Amino acid sequence: TLNLAKTPFYEGLLKGIKGQYLIFEDGMVFNVRKHEGFNVTLSLQ
């Protein structure tokens, strides 16, 4: 899982969304609820 406190920058291809989780192509999972209060920027291409 991706932890923004330890890894403040991450770049990857979003594969899907399931509930509160963003799932990336390389297997990394981002838990949106866990990072409540963080400022996150997503760039879509």
Protein backbone atom coordinates (compact mmCIF):
# COMPACT_ATOMS: atom_id res chain seq x y z
CA THR A 1 0.00 0.00 0.00
CA LEU A 2 1.06 3.57 -0.62
CA ASN A 3 1.84 5.65 2.47
CA LEU A 4 2.14 9.38 1.74
CA ALA A 5 3.94 10.05 5.03
CA LYS A 6 6.83 7.82 3.86
CA THR A 7 6.54 8.34 0.08
CA PRO A 8 5.29 11.89 -0.62
CA PHE A 9 5.48 11.46 -4.44
CA TYR A 10 4.19 8.58 -6.50
CA GLU A 11 3.63 8.23 -10.22
CA GLY A 12 1.74 5.35 -11.79
CA LEU A 13 -1.02 4.28 -14.14
CA LEU A 14 -4.43 4.01 -12.46
CA LYS A 15 -5.96 0.63 -13.28
CA GLY A 16 -9.16 0.77 -11.24
CA ILE A 17 -11.12 1.97 -8.24
CA LYS A 18 -12.77 -0.32 -5.72
CA GLY A 19 -14.56 1.40 -2.87
CA GLN A 20 -12.05 3.63 -1.08
CA TYR A 21 -9.03 2.16 -2.90
CA LEU A 22 -7.22 3.41 -5.99
CA ILE A 23 -5.47 0.46 -7.65
CA PHE A 24 -2.45 1.10 -9.86
CA GLU A 25 -1.02 -1.03 -12.66
CA ASP A 26 2.13 -1.98 -10.72
CA GLY A 27 0.06 -3.40 -7.84
CA MET A 28 0.30 -0.33 -5.60
CA VAL A 29 -2.91 0.46 -3.70
CA PHE A 30 -3.84 3.89 -2.32
CA ASN A 31 -6.35 3.96 0.56
CA VAL A 32 -8.19 7.29 0.24
CA ARG A 33 -9.79 7.23 3.71
CA LYS A 34 -6.45 6.56 5.43
CA HIS A 35 -5.07 9.80 3.96
CA GLU A 36 -7.94 12.05 5.04
CA GLY A 37 -6.54 15.54 5.65
CA PHE A 38 -3.70 15.23 3.12
CA ASN A 39 -3.61 17.52 0.08
CA VAL A 40 -3.36 15.21 -2.94
CA THR A 41 -2.99 16.22 -6.58
CA LEU A 42 -3.97 13.84 -9.36
CA SER A 43 -3.02 14.48 -12.95
CA LEU A 44 -5.00 12.77 -15.69
CA GLN A 45 -3.71 12.36 -19.23
